[in-house]
Amino acid sequence: MLESWFLAHPRKLGESYFAHQRAALMFSLHLFAAALACLVHALVPALFETTASRAIASLHARMVANRRKNPDVDTALRPMDSNQAVL
């Protein structure tokens, strides 16, 4: 159980537990900042008009770039083709 909960996913990505933890925490901080920008934007639409969307695009680009560095990453983790359906 310890293996599947804590180690299997980072290994699939070619990372140690702590390297994956650091990356995930950094992503969560960036997402939190984007969420705060969305909250302020909801209250005052003239503020942070593109902040959240730029943050999401930047995080996505970073994830895709990291996957390209490690070609052995599980194909289920790769970006979808443009002709794949989104549910």
C-alpha atoms as a PDB file:
ATOM      1  CA  MET A   1       0.000   0.000   0.000  1.00  0.00           C
ATOM      2  CA  LEU A   2       2.824   2.422   0.818  1.00  0.00           C
ATOM      3  CA  GLU A   3       4.320   1.740  -2.595  1.00  0.00           C
ATOM      4  CA  SER A   4       1.122   2.446  -4.513  1.00  0.00           C
ATOM      5  CA  TRP A   5       0.144   5.532  -2.500  1.00  0.00           C
ATOM      6  CA  PHE A   6       3.485   7.303  -2.277  1.00  0.00           C
ATOM      7  CA  LEU A   7       6.002   5.940  -4.747  1.00  0.00           C
ATOM      8  CA  ALA A   8       4.374   4.477  -7.873  1.00  0.00           C
ATOM      9  CA  HIS A   9       3.246   7.753  -9.461  1.00  0.00           C
ATOM     10  CA  PRO A  10       6.532   9.652  -8.949  1.00  0.00           C
ATOM     11  CA  ARG A  11       8.448   6.678 -10.359  1.00  0.00           C
ATOM     12  CA  LYS A  12       6.240   6.707 -13.462  1.00  0.00           C
ATOM     13  CA  LEU A  13       7.385  10.281 -13.974  1.00  0.00           C
ATOM     14  CA  GLY A  14      11.032   9.501 -13.331  1.00  0.00           C
ATOM     15  CA  GLU A  15      11.079  11.469 -10.078  1.00  0.00           C
ATOM     16  CA  SER A  16      11.787  10.718  -6.452  1.00  0.00           C
ATOM     17  CA  TYR A  17       9.034  11.191  -3.886  1.00  0.00           C
ATOM     18  CA  PHE A  18      10.533  14.478  -2.666  1.00  0.00           C
ATOM     19  CA  ALA A  19      11.200  15.846  -6.167  1.00  0.00           C
ATOM     20  CA  HIS A  20       7.581  15.123  -7.074  1.00  0.00           C
ATOM     21  CA  GLN A  21       6.365  16.636  -3.801  1.00  0.00           C
ATOM     22  CA  ARG A  22       8.294  19.843  -4.466  1.00  0.00           C
ATOM     23  CA  ALA A  23       6.961  20.114  -8.028  1.00  0.00           C
ATOM     24  CA  ALA A  24       3.372  19.452  -6.915  1.00  0.00           C
ATOM     25  CA  LEU A  25       3.625  22.007  -4.107  1.00  0.00           C
ATOM     26  CA  MET A  26       4.959  24.629  -6.505  1.00  0.00           C
ATOM     27  CA  PHE A  27       2.094  23.926  -8.905  1.00  0.00           C
ATOM     28  CA  SER A  28      -0.393  24.221  -6.053  1.00  0.00           C
ATOM     29  CA  LEU A  29       1.039  27.597  -5.016  1.00  0.00           C
ATOM     30  CA  HIS A  30       0.747  28.908  -8.565  1.00  0.00           C
ATOM     31  CA  LEU A  31      -2.811  27.585  -8.831  1.00  0.00           C
ATOM     32  CA  PHE A  32      -3.684  29.180  -5.487  1.00  0.00           C
ATOM     33  CA  ALA A  33      -2.376  32.535  -6.709  1.00  0.00           C
ATOM     34  CA  ALA A  34      -4.408  32.137  -9.915  1.00  0.00           C
ATOM     35  CA  ALA A  35      -7.501  31.313  -7.843  1.00  0.00           C
ATOM     36  CA  LEU A  36      -7.006  34.457  -5.763  1.00  0.00           C
ATOM     37  CA  ALA A  37      -6.679  36.504  -8.948  1.00  0.00           C
ATOM     38  CA  CYS A  38      -9.965  34.971 -10.169  1.00  0.00           C
ATOM     39  CA  LEU A  39     -11.653  35.858  -6.895  1.00  0.00           C
ATOM     40  CA  VAL A  40     -10.535  39.481  -7.114  1.00  0.00           C
ATOM     41  CA  HIS A  41     -11.491  39.559 -10.803  1.00  0.00           C
ATOM     42  CA  ALA A  42     -14.984  38.312  -9.926  1.00  0.00           C
ATOM     43  CA  LEU A  43     -15.421  41.252  -7.570  1.00  0.00           C
ATOM     44  CA  VAL A  44     -13.671  43.889  -9.719  1.00  0.00           C
ATOM     45  CA  PRO A  45     -13.676  42.768 -13.379  1.00  0.00           C
ATOM     46  CA  ALA A  46     -11.151  45.410 -14.443  1.00  0.00           C
ATOM     47  CA  LEU A  47      -8.465  43.750 -12.292  1.00  0.00           C
ATOM     48  CA  PHE A  48      -6.502  40.615 -13.206  1.00  0.00           C
ATOM     49  CA  GLU A  49      -8.267  40.206 -16.548  1.00  0.00           C
ATOM     50  CA  THR A  50      -5.833  37.583 -17.888  1.00  0.00           C
ATOM     51  CA  THR A  51      -3.791  36.602 -14.852  1.00  0.00           C
ATOM     52  CA  ALA A  52      -5.419  33.232 -14.182  1.00  0.00           C
ATOM     53  CA  SER A  53      -5.553  32.130 -17.806  1.00  0.00           C
ATOM     54  CA  ARG A  54      -1.890  33.045 -18.298  1.00  0.00           C
ATOM     55  CA  ALA A  55      -0.959  31.131 -15.129  1.00  0.00           C
ATOM     56  CA  ILE A  56      -2.841  28.026 -16.293  1.00  0.00           C
ATOM     57  CA  ALA A  57      -1.254  28.202 -19.762  1.00  0.00           C
ATOM     58  CA  SER A  58       2.201  28.581 -18.194  1.00  0.00           C
ATOM     59  CA  LEU A  59       1.694  25.614 -15.854  1.00  0.00           C
ATOM     60  CA  HIS A  60       0.406  23.471 -18.705  1.00  0.00           C
ATOM     61  CA  ALA A  61       3.416  24.373 -20.861  1.00  0.00           C
ATOM     62  CA  ARG A  62       5.738  23.438 -17.989  1.00  0.00           C
ATOM     63  CA  MET A  63       4.049  20.077 -17.494  1.00  0.00           C
ATOM     64  CA  VAL A  64       4.226  19.257 -21.201  1.00  0.00           C
ATOM     65  CA  ALA A  65       7.893  20.336 -21.364  1.00  0.00           C
ATOM     66  CA  ASN A  66       8.730  18.113 -18.378  1.00  0.00           C
ATOM     67  CA  ARG A  67       7.022  15.162 -20.050  1.00  0.00           C
ATOM     68  CA  ARG A  68       9.068  15.697 -23.205  1.00  0.00           C
ATOM     69  CA  LYS A  69      12.269  15.568 -21.133  1.00  0.00           C
ATOM     70  CA  ASN A  70      11.343  12.046 -20.029  1.00  0.00           C
ATOM     71  CA  PRO A  71      10.137  10.063 -23.078  1.00  0.00           C
ATOM     72  CA  ASP A  72       9.509   6.987 -20.899  1.00  0.00           C
ATOM     73  CA  VAL A  73       6.593   8.659 -19.096  1.00  0.00           C
ATOM     74  CA  ASP A  74       3.379   6.670 -19.312  1.00  0.00           C
ATOM     75  CA  THR A  75       1.445   7.651 -22.444  1.00  0.00           C
ATOM     76  CA  ALA A  76      -1.692   8.138 -20.337  1.00  0.00           C
ATOM     77  CA  LEU A  77       0.021  11.222 -18.914  1.00  0.00           C
ATOM     78  CA  ARG A  78       0.744  12.775 -22.314  1.00  0.00           C
ATOM     79  CA  PRO A  79      -1.323  15.687 -23.685  1.00  0.00           C
ATOM     80  CA  MET A  80      -4.433  14.732 -25.632  1.00  0.00           C
ATOM     81  CA  ASP A  81      -4.484  14.963 -29.419  1.00  0.00           C
ATOM     82  CA  SER A  82      -6.694  17.711 -30.758  1.00  0.00           C
ATOM     83  CA  ASN A  83      -9.117  15.130 -32.192  1.00  0.00           C
ATOM     84  CA  GLN A  84      -9.657  13.331 -28.845  1.00  0.00           C
ATOM     85  CA  ALA A  85     -12.985  13.957 -27.153  1.00  0.00           C
ATOM     86  CA  VAL A  86     -13.064  15.822 -23.855  1.00  0.00           C
ATOM     87  CA  LEU A  87     -15.674  14.626 -21.382  1.00  0.00           C
END
